[in-house]
Structures are given as C-alpha cells and as structure tokens.
Amino acid sequence: MQIFPEKQAKMKIVFLGTGTSTGVPVVACDCVVCKSKDSRDTRLRTSLLLYIDDQCFVIDCGPDFRYQMIRENVEDIHGILLTHQHRDHISGLDDVRGFNYVLNKPIDVFAAEEVIKAIYTEYPYILSEARFFGAPQLIFHRIDEQPFMVGDFEFTTISVMHNQLKVFGFRIGNFTYITDASFISVEEKEKIRGSKVIVINALRNSHHVSHFSLQEAIDIVQDLNPDQAYITHMSHFIGLHSDVEEKLPANIHLAYDTLSIEIN
C-alpha cells in the first residue's frame, strides 16, 4: 500500500483521548483507577490526531474535542474522519466552529452515509434552509468499504462490528486504527495485516458484548503481528496503567492521552 506513488509520507499520531464514553475518572467513582495520581490513568474520550507530512487529520470528534485541540495547540485540520455515530465520537462537531472562524474555511468530514444521517438528526441547524448563524461549517464526504483519497493520501476503510453496529476503522500506509469493535472478520483482518503499527480497542478485562476485552485484543494483535500495537478506548475496569503495562507482551502497550508516535 502506497501513500504516495513515489515516496513514503512522514506520519505521526497523537492520542487525544484513550477513554471510553464515560471518560476516566468516572463521575462519582472512588475506585483505585479513578483516584490514581498517575496522569496515564486520566483518559478523555477516544480520539486521534494524525499528521501526514504537513497535513493534520482528526479521527473522531467527541465531547472533549475543544479541550483536546487547545491542549495540542492545533491550528489547522485538513479533515475529520468519523468511525461511527455514537455521541462520544461525534458530539464535539459543534466546536469545529473555532476553526471555521479563525481560518475562514469549512472543514471536510469523511463518514459513512448512516453516520451523516445521524449528524443531521443531532445537529439539524447545520443544514437548515434558513442558515443558522454560528453553525459549524462542514463539508460531508460519504465513504464506504472502498478506499478513498484525501488529497494525495489513500485511506482504506476497515469494516468491524460494534455488537450489531458497523464501525469503520482506517488504514493508511503502515498504520491501522480500530476503535469500538467486538468482531473483525477474516477478510477485514487481511486489510490490516502488514501494518507496522496497530491501534485497537479494549474496554476491560472481562468479555463485553460490543467491545473487545484486553485478552481478545491481545489475541488479534498477536495474529496480525505488527511491530507495535497500542490499546485504546479503555474504561476504569482495565486497571492501573502501571500494573497492566508490565504484564503485556513486549510489542503491545496501553496508550495514554498525549502519547505521540512517529510511524515510518
């Protein structure tokens, strides 16, 4: 898989958030993880910053989006890719307005048809015939199971199941990102195979109907055998970062908010 026909782009990822829909700490919870003083145990809702050469993309735009952009000093984004329509992955879209105001441009959003329909329901003022002043300015691009181009960059969609809901992961070059999955078919795994770096979700240690457990995620990673893998979308039930990390296979790590990785 080539990003450019003649050269490999420089890639870097930054984990904007690595927590599940409640975030960590959970409101009113006094468990050892929620009370931890280790910053790696504090997790905003799951989102990723992807730099490809001089362009910047965001995967998912949840309720912590505004703070995540300010924290990482992001001054421009060239597109938002949405994995699915759950609110912890789309409810920050209203805060795209900051980029609209400062840069005087709309922002491209790449999502499946059913995700775009859900956004229209959640944000009816975005496409109202009587244009609502102050609404986020978004240009929607419908994606499906076929690879798609964003400028010079090719993205491959990875179709996974989040219980009964189809969710898209993304592969670009040597990097694959999967969140909110409980099943990946053999055919879709073949799209991932050969990635040097894989990010995959694991909610907790025990089985869950719509997310991989930590062991299930480990089994998938060991089958795909990347150089490195990182676990994301974790709840407080995953355990303390320091305890879990030391028990993982050498090439598998728990991600944490603000972690930055360069990918060749």
Protein backbone atom coordinates (compact mmCIF):
# COMPACT_ATOMS: atom_id res chain seq x y z
CA MET A 1 0.00 0.00 0.00
CA GLN A 2 1.40 3.36 -1.04
CA ILE A 3 0.50 6.73 0.41
CA PHE A 4 2.34 8.47 -2.42
CA PRO A 5 3.16 6.72 -5.69
CA GLU A 6 6.86 7.62 -5.40
CA LYS A 7 7.64 8.30 -1.74
CA GLN A 8 6.55 7.43 1.78
CA ALA A 9 4.99 10.24 3.76
CA LYS A 10 6.10 11.15 7.26
CA MET A 11 3.45 10.12 9.76
CA LYS A 12 2.88 10.89 13.41
CA ILE A 13 -0.05 10.07 15.66
CA VAL A 14 -1.06 11.75 18.90
CA PHE A 15 -3.61 10.12 21.20
CA LEU A 16 -6.06 12.91 22.02
CA GLY A 17 -8.10 10.62 24.27
CA THR A 18 -7.96 6.94 25.16
CA GLY A 19 -11.02 6.51 27.38
CA THR A 20 -14.44 5.04 26.85
CA SER A 21 -17.70 7.03 26.70
CA THR A 22 -17.62 7.92 30.42
CA GLY A 23 -14.01 9.04 30.39
CA VAL A 24 -11.70 8.28 33.32
CA PRO A 25 -12.08 9.24 36.12
CA VAL A 26 -15.77 8.39 36.05
CA VAL A 27 -18.08 10.89 37.73
CA ALA A 28 -18.63 9.99 41.42
CA CYS A 29 -16.39 6.88 41.26
CA ASP A 30 -13.83 6.32 44.01
CA CYS A 31 -12.12 3.21 42.59
CA VAL A 32 -8.32 2.99 42.61
CA VAL A 33 -8.08 3.90 38.90
CA CYS A 34 -10.35 6.93 39.14
CA LYS A 35 -8.41 8.16 42.18
CA SER A 36 -5.00 7.46 40.63
CA LYS A 37 -2.38 10.24 40.62
CA ASP A 38 -0.72 8.73 37.53
CA SER A 39 -1.61 11.01 34.60
CA ARG A 40 -1.72 7.94 32.32
CA ASP A 41 -4.86 6.81 34.16
CA THR A 42 -6.72 10.02 33.25
CA ARG A 43 -8.45 9.39 29.94
CA LEU A 44 -10.56 11.72 27.80
CA ARG A 45 -12.98 10.30 25.25
CA THR A 46 -11.25 8.42 22.44
CA SER A 47 -9.89 10.45 19.54
CA LEU A 48 -6.69 10.54 17.49
CA LEU A 49 -4.62 13.23 15.79
CA LEU A 50 -2.94 12.04 12.59
CA TYR A 51 -0.18 14.05 10.94
CA ILE A 52 0.78 13.09 7.39
CA ASP A 53 3.60 15.28 6.13
CA ASP A 54 2.31 18.82 6.73
CA GLN A 55 -1.38 17.92 6.94
CA CYS A 56 -3.38 17.19 10.07
CA PHE A 57 -6.41 14.92 10.42
CA VAL A 58 -8.61 14.06 13.39
CA ILE A 59 -10.23 10.65 13.82
CA ASP A 60 -13.45 11.09 15.79
CA CYS A 61 -14.69 14.28 17.37
CA GLY A 62 -16.13 13.63 20.80
CA PRO A 63 -17.23 15.84 23.70
CA ASP A 64 -13.63 16.66 24.68
CA PHE A 65 -12.69 17.91 21.18
CA ARG A 66 -12.37 21.61 22.07
CA TYR A 67 -10.06 20.97 25.01
CA GLN A 68 -8.04 18.40 23.03
CA MET A 69 -7.41 20.87 20.21
CA ILE A 70 -6.34 23.59 22.66
CA ARG A 71 -4.13 21.22 24.64
CA GLU A 72 -2.28 20.07 21.49
CA ASN A 73 -2.12 23.61 20.05
CA VAL A 74 -3.76 22.50 16.80
CA GLU A 75 -4.09 25.50 14.49
CA ASP A 76 -5.50 23.80 11.38
CA ILE A 77 -7.09 20.49 10.43
CA HIS A 78 -7.46 19.14 6.91
CA GLY A 79 -10.23 16.68 7.64
CA ILE A 80 -12.20 14.81 10.28
CA LEU A 81 -12.74 11.07 9.86
CA LEU A 82 -15.61 9.54 11.79
CA THR A 83 -15.70 5.88 12.77
CA HIS A 84 -19.40 5.78 13.73
CA GLN A 85 -22.30 7.82 15.05
CA HIS A 86 -22.22 7.30 18.81
CA ARG A 87 -22.20 10.56 20.72
CA ASP A 88 -18.79 10.04 22.32
CA HIS A 89 -17.42 10.11 18.76
CA ILE A 90 -19.42 12.96 17.15
CA SER A 91 -20.64 15.32 19.88
CA GLY A 92 -17.70 17.71 19.50
CA LEU A 93 -18.59 18.70 15.95
CA ASP A 94 -20.16 21.95 17.09
CA ASP A 95 -16.73 23.10 18.29
CA VAL A 96 -15.35 22.91 14.75
CA ARG A 97 -16.70 26.48 14.59
CA GLY A 98 -13.42 27.72 16.07
CA PHE A 99 -11.52 26.54 13.01
CA ASN A 100 -14.24 28.00 10.75
CA TYR A 101 -13.93 31.41 12.39
CA VAL A 102 -10.15 31.66 12.54
CA LEU A 103 -9.30 30.01 9.22
CA ASN A 104 -12.37 31.27 7.31
CA LYS A 105 -13.00 27.89 5.74
CA PRO A 106 -15.30 24.88 6.15
CA ILE A 107 -13.89 21.59 7.42
CA ASP A 108 -14.17 18.34 5.44
CA VAL A 109 -15.81 15.43 7.27
CA PHE A 110 -15.48 11.86 5.97
CA ALA A 111 -18.12 9.42 7.21
CA ALA A 112 -20.47 6.63 6.19
CA GLU A 113 -23.98 7.50 4.98
CA GLU A 114 -25.64 6.35 8.23
CA VAL A 115 -23.23 8.45 10.28
CA ILE A 116 -24.01 11.57 8.26
CA LYS A 117 -27.75 10.94 8.69
CA ALA A 118 -27.25 10.71 12.45
CA ILE A 119 -25.34 14.01 12.43
CA TYR A 120 -28.20 15.70 10.59
CA THR A 121 -30.52 14.47 13.35
CA GLU A 122 -28.21 15.56 16.17
CA TYR A 123 -27.40 18.92 14.56
CA PRO A 124 -30.45 19.91 12.45
CA TYR A 125 -29.25 23.51 12.27
CA ILE A 126 -26.16 22.54 10.26
CA LEU A 127 -28.12 22.07 7.02
CA SER A 128 -31.18 24.14 7.78
CA GLU A 129 -32.52 26.02 4.76
CA ALA A 130 -32.58 29.09 6.98
CA ARG A 131 -28.87 29.06 7.68
CA PHE A 132 -28.28 29.34 11.42
CA PHE A 133 -25.59 31.92 12.11
CA GLY A 134 -22.81 30.32 14.11
CA ALA A 135 -23.47 26.74 12.98
CA PRO A 136 -20.33 24.72 12.21
CA GLN A 137 -19.40 24.82 8.53
CA LEU A 138 -18.85 21.23 7.43
CA ILE A 139 -18.47 19.62 4.02
CA PHE A 140 -19.55 15.97 4.18
CA HIS A 141 -17.91 13.27 2.07
CA ARG A 142 -19.62 9.88 2.05
CA ILE A 143 -17.31 6.89 2.40
CA ASP A 144 -17.94 3.16 2.16
CA GLU A 145 -15.94 -0.07 2.02
CA GLN A 146 -13.84 1.20 -0.87
CA PRO A 147 -10.53 3.06 -0.33
CA PHE A 148 -10.83 6.82 -0.66
CA MET A 149 -8.45 9.67 -1.33
CA VAL A 150 -7.95 12.80 0.71
CA GLY A 151 -5.67 14.89 -1.45
CA ASP A 152 -2.63 12.70 -2.16
CA PHE A 153 -3.36 10.30 0.70
CA GLU A 154 -5.20 6.99 0.37
CA PHE A 155 -7.29 5.73 3.28
CA THR A 156 -8.56 2.16 3.42
CA THR A 157 -11.70 1.55 5.48
CA ILE A 158 -11.73 -1.47 7.79
CA SER A 159 -15.28 -2.65 8.48
CA VAL A 160 -15.69 -4.00 12.03
CA MET A 161 -18.69 -4.76 14.21
CA HIS A 162 -19.56 -2.92 17.43
CA ASN A 163 -22.10 -5.51 18.56
CA GLN A 164 -24.71 -5.02 15.77
CA LEU A 165 -23.41 -1.65 14.55
CA LYS A 166 -20.94 -1.38 11.68
CA VAL A 167 -17.96 0.81 12.52
CA PHE A 168 -15.15 1.92 10.24
CA GLY A 169 -11.51 1.66 11.18
CA PHE A 170 -8.87 3.20 8.93
CA ARG A 171 -5.57 2.11 7.47
CA ILE A 172 -3.12 4.49 5.87
CA GLY A 173 0.29 3.24 4.85
CA ASN A 174 1.78 1.20 7.68
CA PHE A 175 -0.74 2.34 10.29
CA THR A 176 -4.17 0.94 11.22
CA TYR A 177 -6.65 2.38 13.72
CA ILE A 178 -9.57 0.36 15.12
CA THR A 179 -11.93 1.53 17.85
CA ASP A 180 -15.29 0.34 19.24
CA ALA A 181 -15.04 -3.17 17.84
CA SER A 182 -16.15 -6.54 19.14
CA PHE A 183 -15.61 -8.51 15.92
CA ILE A 184 -13.34 -8.30 12.87
CA SER A 185 -13.90 -10.73 10.01
CA VAL A 186 -11.09 -12.71 8.40
CA GLU A 187 -11.48 -10.63 5.22
CA GLU A 188 -11.14 -7.33 7.07
CA LYS A 189 -8.16 -8.61 9.05
CA GLU A 190 -6.37 -9.14 5.76
CA LYS A 191 -6.69 -5.39 5.09
CA ILE A 192 -4.88 -4.76 8.37
CA ARG A 193 -2.21 -7.42 8.00
CA GLY A 194 1.23 -5.97 7.26
CA SER A 195 0.66 -2.80 9.29
CA LYS A 196 3.69 -1.84 11.36
CA VAL A 197 1.60 -0.07 13.99
CA ILE A 198 -1.93 -1.04 15.04
CA VAL A 199 -4.21 0.76 17.48
CA ILE A 200 -7.09 -1.37 18.76
CA ASN A 201 -9.76 -1.01 21.44
CA ALA A 202 -10.09 -2.97 24.68
CA LEU A 203 -12.73 -1.87 27.17
CA ARG A 204 -11.92 -4.04 30.18
CA ASN A 205 -10.55 -7.43 31.20
CA SER A 206 -13.84 -9.35 31.06
CA HIS A 207 -15.95 -10.05 27.99
CA HIS A 208 -18.24 -7.28 26.73
CA VAL A 209 -20.95 -7.51 24.07
CA SER A 210 -19.76 -4.54 21.99
CA HIS A 211 -16.04 -4.11 22.75
CA PHE A 212 -13.00 -6.36 22.80
CA SER A 213 -11.68 -7.42 26.17
CA LEU A 214 -7.98 -6.90 26.76
CA GLN A 215 -7.19 -10.56 26.07
CA GLU A 216 -9.30 -10.56 22.89
CA ALA A 217 -7.39 -7.51 21.65
CA ILE A 218 -4.07 -9.17 22.50
CA ASP A 219 -5.08 -12.29 20.56
CA ILE A 220 -5.92 -10.24 17.47
CA VAL A 221 -2.66 -8.31 17.67
CA GLN A 222 -0.64 -11.50 18.03
CA ASP A 223 -2.37 -12.92 14.96
CA LEU A 224 -1.66 -9.78 12.90
CA ASN A 225 1.88 -9.46 14.33
CA PRO A 226 2.66 -5.74 13.90
CA ASP A 227 5.89 -4.22 15.14
CA GLN A 228 3.94 -2.31 17.79
CA ALA A 229 0.34 -2.17 18.97
CA TYR A 230 -1.46 0.22 21.30
CA ILE A 231 -4.67 -0.32 23.26
CA THR A 232 -7.25 2.48 23.36
CA HIS A 233 -10.90 3.13 24.36
CA MET A 234 -10.34 1.81 27.90
CA SER A 235 -12.65 2.04 30.89
CA HIS A 236 -11.58 2.27 34.52
CA PHE A 237 -12.15 -1.51 34.70
CA ILE A 238 -8.96 -2.05 32.66
CA GLY A 239 -6.89 -1.47 35.81
CA LEU A 240 -3.99 0.81 36.65
CA HIS A 241 -1.78 1.67 33.69
CA SER A 242 1.41 0.76 35.55
CA ASP A 243 0.09 -2.65 36.62
CA VAL A 244 -1.35 -3.65 33.24
CA GLU A 245 1.54 -2.37 31.12
CA GLU A 246 4.15 -4.58 32.78
CA LYS A 247 2.11 -7.73 32.06
CA LEU A 248 1.60 -7.11 28.33
CA PRO A 249 3.61 -8.75 25.52
CA ALA A 250 6.70 -6.75 24.55
CA ASN A 251 5.16 -5.21 21.41
CA ILE A 252 1.79 -4.28 22.98
CA HIS A 253 1.27 -1.17 25.11
CA LEU A 254 -1.54 0.70 26.76
CA ALA A 255 -1.91 4.05 25.02
CA TYR A 256 -2.45 7.15 27.13
CA ASP A 257 -3.61 10.69 26.43
CA THR A 258 -0.94 12.87 24.73
CA LEU A 259 1.20 9.85 23.74
CA SER A 260 2.93 10.67 20.43
CA ILE A 261 4.34 8.09 17.99
CA GLU A 262 6.17 8.52 14.70
CA ILE A 263 5.49 5.89 12.04
CA ASN A 264 7.80 5.05 9.15
